[in-house]
N, C-alpha and C. Protein backbone atom coordinates (compact mmCIF):
# COMPACT_ATOMS: atom_id res chain seq x y z
N MET A 1 -7.88 -13.29 10.18
CA MET A 1 -7.43 -12.67 9.30
C MET A 1 -7.37 -10.74 10.00
N ILE A 2 -6.40 -10.34 9.64
CA ILE A 2 -5.64 -9.29 10.26
C ILE A 2 -6.10 -7.98 8.44
N LEU A 3 -6.60 -6.87 9.00
CA LEU A 3 -6.37 -5.17 7.92
C LEU A 3 -5.78 -4.22 8.35
N GLU A 4 -4.55 -4.64 6.84
CA GLU A 4 -3.51 -3.76 7.63
C GLU A 4 -4.53 -1.70 6.80
N VAL A 5 -4.55 -1.09 7.37
CA VAL A 5 -5.06 0.18 6.62
C VAL A 5 -3.78 1.11 6.76
N ALA A 6 -3.46 2.38 5.30
CA ALA A 6 -2.42 3.05 5.40
C ALA A 6 -3.07 4.34 4.53
N ILE A 7 -3.52 5.49 5.76
CA ILE A 7 -3.42 6.75 5.11
C ILE A 7 -2.76 7.70 4.14
N LEU A 8 -2.57 7.23 2.69
CA LEU A 8 -1.69 8.21 2.17
C LEU A 8 -1.69 9.39 0.90
N ASN A 9 -1.28 10.19 1.94
CA ASN A 9 -0.80 11.12 1.53
C ASN A 9 -0.39 11.47 0.03
N ILE A 10 -0.20 12.34 -0.88
CA ILE A 10 0.78 12.08 -2.42
C ILE A 10 1.05 13.76 -2.52
N LYS A 11 2.08 13.86 -3.08
CA LYS A 11 2.71 15.00 -3.61
C LYS A 11 1.84 15.89 -4.95
N GLU A 12 1.70 16.44 -3.86
CA GLU A 12 0.53 17.60 -5.23
C GLU A 12 0.85 17.58 -6.17
N GLY A 13 0.20 16.80 -7.41
CA GLY A 13 0.30 17.02 -8.72
C GLY A 13 0.66 15.88 -9.42
N LEU A 14 1.04 14.94 -8.35
CA LEU A 14 1.23 13.66 -9.02
C LEU A 14 0.35 12.15 -8.73
N SER A 15 -0.95 12.34 -7.93
CA SER A 15 -2.11 12.01 -8.38
C SER A 15 -1.95 10.80 -9.15
N ASN A 16 -1.86 11.17 -10.85
CA ASN A 16 -2.12 10.21 -11.51
C ASN A 16 -0.93 9.61 -11.60
N ASP A 17 0.08 9.74 -12.14
CA ASP A 17 0.94 8.90 -11.81
C ASP A 17 1.92 7.86 -10.90
N PHE A 18 1.19 7.93 -9.47
CA PHE A 18 1.45 7.28 -8.08
C PHE A 18 -0.20 6.03 -8.55
N GLU A 19 -0.32 6.75 -9.13
CA GLU A 19 -2.29 5.54 -8.84
C GLU A 19 -1.68 4.45 -10.78
N ALA A 20 -1.22 5.24 -11.67
CA ALA A 20 -0.55 4.11 -12.71
C ALA A 20 0.70 3.40 -12.04
N ASN A 21 2.10 4.01 -11.10
CA ASN A 21 2.66 2.88 -10.62
C ASN A 21 1.98 2.11 -9.70
N PHE A 22 0.59 2.15 -8.57
CA PHE A 22 0.48 1.21 -8.30
C PHE A 22 -0.55 -0.04 -8.85
N GLN A 23 -0.66 0.43 -9.52
CA GLN A 23 -1.46 -0.92 -11.47
C GLN A 23 -0.24 -1.60 -11.46
N LYS A 24 0.62 -1.25 -11.59
CA LYS A 24 1.93 -2.05 -11.61
C LYS A 24 2.26 -2.75 -10.58
N ALA A 25 2.30 -2.04 -9.32
CA ALA A 25 2.52 -2.78 -7.68
C ALA A 25 2.08 -3.30 -7.05
N LYS A 26 0.57 -3.35 -7.55
CA LYS A 26 -0.88 -4.74 -6.92
C LYS A 26 -0.43 -5.54 -7.80
N SER A 27 0.15 -5.73 -7.92
CA SER A 27 0.57 -7.74 -9.37
C SER A 27 1.31 -8.10 -8.06
N ILE A 28 2.61 -6.86 -7.57
CA ILE A 28 3.48 -7.82 -6.19
C ILE A 28 2.94 -7.79 -4.81
N ILE A 29 2.00 -6.84 -4.37
CA ILE A 29 1.80 -7.15 -3.65
C ILE A 29 0.49 -8.59 -3.23
N SER A 30 -0.43 -9.52 -4.45
CA SER A 30 -1.75 -9.70 -4.85
C SER A 30 -0.45 -11.36 -5.03
N SER A 31 0.64 -11.60 -5.07
CA SER A 31 1.50 -12.50 -5.11
C SER A 31 1.80 -12.84 -3.82
N MET A 32 2.21 -12.26 -3.13
CA MET A 32 3.12 -12.57 -1.74
C MET A 32 1.94 -13.22 -0.69
N LYS A 33 2.70 -14.40 -0.41
CA LYS A 33 2.13 -15.31 0.85
C LYS A 33 1.92 -14.61 2.05
N GLY A 34 0.04 -14.62 1.63
CA GLY A 34 -0.93 -14.96 3.01
C GLY A 34 -1.82 -13.94 2.49
N TYR A 35 -1.22 -13.20 1.32
CA TYR A 35 -2.10 -12.45 1.59
C TYR A 35 -3.51 -12.64 0.62
N ILE A 36 -4.85 -11.13 1.13
CA ILE A 36 -5.90 -11.85 0.93
C ILE A 36 -6.01 -10.70 -0.43
N SER A 37 -6.50 -10.13 -0.08
CA SER A 37 -7.28 -8.73 -0.73
C SER A 37 -6.49 -7.12 -1.02
N HIS A 38 -7.78 -6.04 -1.44
CA HIS A 38 -6.76 -5.47 -0.91
C HIS A 38 -8.12 -3.90 -2.05
N GLU A 39 -7.81 -3.07 -0.97
CA GLU A 39 -8.48 -1.49 -2.30
C GLU A 39 -7.87 -0.68 -1.67
N LEU A 40 -7.90 0.08 -2.88
CA LEU A 40 -6.93 1.49 -2.85
C LEU A 40 -8.49 2.97 -3.12
N LYS A 41 -9.04 3.31 -2.85
CA LYS A 41 -9.90 4.14 -2.69
C LYS A 41 -9.10 5.76 -2.37
N LYS A 42 -9.17 6.85 -3.36
CA LYS A 42 -8.79 7.70 -3.39
C LYS A 42 -10.27 8.64 -3.08
N CYS A 43 -9.82 9.77 -1.71
CA CYS A 43 -10.97 10.30 -1.24
C CYS A 43 -11.35 11.34 -2.03
N ILE A 44 -12.75 11.90 -1.66
CA ILE A 44 -13.58 12.71 -1.74
C ILE A 44 -13.29 14.21 -1.28
N GLU A 45 -13.30 13.81 -0.75
CA GLU A 45 -12.73 15.83 -0.39
C GLU A 45 -11.38 16.47 -0.25
N GLU A 46 -9.81 15.31 0.06
CA GLU A 46 -8.57 15.31 -0.36
C GLU A 46 -8.74 14.76 -1.32
N GLU A 47 -7.87 16.18 -2.56
CA GLU A 47 -7.80 15.01 -3.82
C GLU A 47 -6.08 14.44 -3.86
N ASN A 48 -5.14 15.09 -2.98
CA ASN A 48 -4.18 14.10 -3.43
C ASN A 48 -4.19 12.95 -1.89
N LYS A 49 -4.81 12.43 -1.81
CA LYS A 49 -5.21 11.04 -0.74
C LYS A 49 -5.77 10.53 -1.02
N TYR A 50 -5.26 8.99 -0.40
CA TYR A 50 -6.42 7.58 -0.64
C TYR A 50 -5.52 7.16 0.76
N ILE A 51 -6.71 6.12 0.49
CA ILE A 51 -6.18 5.12 2.15
C ILE A 51 -6.66 3.56 0.94
N LEU A 52 -4.96 2.53 1.29
CA LEU A 52 -5.11 1.75 1.62
C LEU A 52 -5.14 0.38 2.19
N LEU A 53 -6.40 -0.52 2.18
CA LEU A 53 -7.20 -1.72 2.84
C LEU A 53 -5.82 -2.32 2.21
N VAL A 54 -5.42 -3.70 3.02
CA VAL A 54 -4.72 -4.79 2.45
C VAL A 54 -4.50 -5.61 3.85
N ASN A 55 -5.75 -7.07 3.39
CA ASN A 55 -6.51 -7.93 4.38
C ASN A 55 -4.93 -9.04 3.66
N TRP A 56 -4.14 -9.53 4.98
CA TRP A 56 -3.75 -10.16 5.30
C TRP A 56 -4.17 -11.68 6.87
N GLU A 57 -3.27 -12.71 5.46
CA GLU A 57 -3.97 -14.11 6.95
C GLU A 57 -3.33 -13.29 8.52
N THR A 58 -1.44 -13.42 8.72
CA THR A 58 -1.48 -12.92 9.62
C THR A 58 -0.83 -12.14 9.77
N LEU A 59 -0.34 -10.73 10.95
CA LEU A 59 0.70 -10.24 10.80
C LEU A 59 1.64 -10.17 10.46
N GLU A 60 2.36 -11.33 10.43
CA GLU A 60 3.59 -11.71 10.30
C GLU A 60 3.53 -11.98 8.15
N ASP A 61 2.88 -12.67 7.75
CA ASP A 61 2.59 -12.17 6.58
C ASP A 61 2.77 -10.81 6.02
N HIS A 62 2.53 -9.99 6.96
CA HIS A 62 2.49 -8.62 5.78
C HIS A 62 3.94 -7.88 6.80
N GLU A 63 4.26 -8.13 7.87
CA GLU A 63 4.91 -7.45 8.53
C GLU A 63 6.72 -8.17 8.83
N ILE A 64 6.82 -9.88 8.61
CA ILE A 64 7.92 -10.01 8.12
C ILE A 64 7.24 -10.31 6.85
N GLY A 65 6.64 -11.45 5.94
CA GLY A 65 7.00 -12.21 4.68
C GLY A 65 6.53 -10.81 3.74
N PHE A 66 6.13 -10.21 3.58
CA PHE A 66 5.96 -9.01 2.81
C PHE A 66 7.04 -7.84 3.00
N ARG A 67 6.87 -7.30 4.49
CA ARG A 67 8.76 -5.37 4.43
C ARG A 67 9.98 -6.76 4.24
N LYS A 68 9.85 -7.52 4.53
CA LYS A 68 11.76 -8.34 4.32
C LYS A 68 11.59 -8.88 2.99
N SER A 69 10.77 -8.70 2.08
CA SER A 69 11.11 -9.75 1.26
C SER A 69 11.55 -8.84 0.54
N GLU A 70 12.51 -9.47 -1.15
CA GLU A 70 13.29 -8.87 -1.93
C GLU A 70 12.06 -7.75 -2.56
N GLU A 71 10.81 -8.26 -3.02
CA GLU A 71 9.39 -7.73 -3.92
C GLU A 71 9.09 -6.79 -3.58
N TYR A 72 9.41 -6.79 -1.74
CA TYR A 72 9.37 -4.66 -1.41
C TYR A 72 9.88 -3.36 -1.63
N LYS A 73 11.45 -4.48 -1.74
CA LYS A 73 11.88 -3.80 -2.41
C LYS A 73 11.68 -2.85 -3.57
N GLU A 74 11.14 -3.52 -4.81
CA GLU A 74 10.63 -3.05 -5.90
C GLU A 74 9.23 -2.76 -5.76
N TRP A 75 7.88 -1.87 -4.30
CA TRP A 75 7.07 -2.15 -4.22
C TRP A 75 7.11 -0.32 -3.64
N LYS A 76 8.43 -1.15 -2.78
CA LYS A 76 8.90 0.86 -2.63
C LYS A 76 9.53 1.73 -3.83
N LYS A 77 10.58 1.16 -4.57
CA LYS A 77 11.10 1.85 -5.73
C LYS A 77 9.29 2.41 -6.39
N LEU A 78 8.54 1.70 -6.73
CA LEU A 78 7.83 1.94 -7.61
C LEU A 78 5.80 2.94 -6.71
N LEU A 79 5.94 3.59 -4.89
CA LEU A 79 5.33 3.94 -4.65
C LEU A 79 6.20 5.07 -3.32
N HIS A 80 7.03 4.74 -3.05
CA HIS A 80 7.74 5.23 -1.53
C HIS A 80 7.24 7.11 -2.02
N HIS A 81 8.03 6.94 -2.72
CA HIS A 81 8.66 8.26 -2.77
C HIS A 81 7.38 9.44 -3.69
N PHE A 82 6.27 8.90 -3.38
CA PHE A 82 4.90 9.54 -3.58
C PHE A 82 4.08 10.40 -2.95
N TYR A 83 4.79 9.70 -1.55
CA TYR A 83 4.65 10.16 -0.04
C TYR A 83 4.68 10.82 0.63
N GLU A 84 4.21 12.14 1.25
CA GLU A 84 4.13 13.55 1.99
C GLU A 84 3.18 13.20 2.87
N PRO A 85 3.32 13.56 4.17
CA PRO A 85 4.68 12.70 4.57
C PRO A 85 4.65 10.93 4.69
N PHE A 86 5.72 10.62 4.61
CA PHE A 86 5.18 9.02 4.97
C PHE A 86 4.24 8.01 5.91
N PRO A 87 3.73 7.06 4.97
CA PRO A 87 2.13 6.75 6.37
C PRO A 87 2.21 6.48 7.30
N THR A 88 1.69 6.50 8.20
CA THR A 88 1.65 5.55 8.55
C THR A 88 0.51 4.47 8.72
N VAL A 89 0.72 3.13 9.60
CA VAL A 89 0.12 1.91 9.46
C VAL A 89 0.12 1.42 10.40
N GLU A 90 -1.76 1.40 10.40
CA GLU A 90 -1.75 0.01 11.68
C GLU A 90 -2.73 -1.50 11.55
N HIS A 91 -2.78 -1.95 11.79
CA HIS A 91 -3.60 -3.19 11.77
C HIS A 91 -4.67 -3.46 12.49
N TYR A 92 -5.72 -3.88 12.66
CA TYR A 92 -6.31 -3.68 12.95
C TYR A 92 -7.31 -5.41 12.51
N LYS A 93 -7.70 -6.82 13.62
CA LYS A 93 -8.90 -7.40 13.83
C LYS A 93 -10.20 -8.16 14.16
């Protein structure tokens, strides 16, 4: 199992909109091959900061299966305009 970790800094004043869009986007990621589970947690100390943790069966399920899919284009459309700066994604085993 691989853990994907992304720190998400959301543009000021858009956290509620981000959370609403994430509710739609989570059905996309959860339908992907190799997806196991995810958690989105809001930071206590910083108002517009979140951590996204996604468990995948393999690194390839995330990097190739998800990121190169048509579904990822919809994910991007729903979420990527909220990020500032764009997050760094790391993987852990």
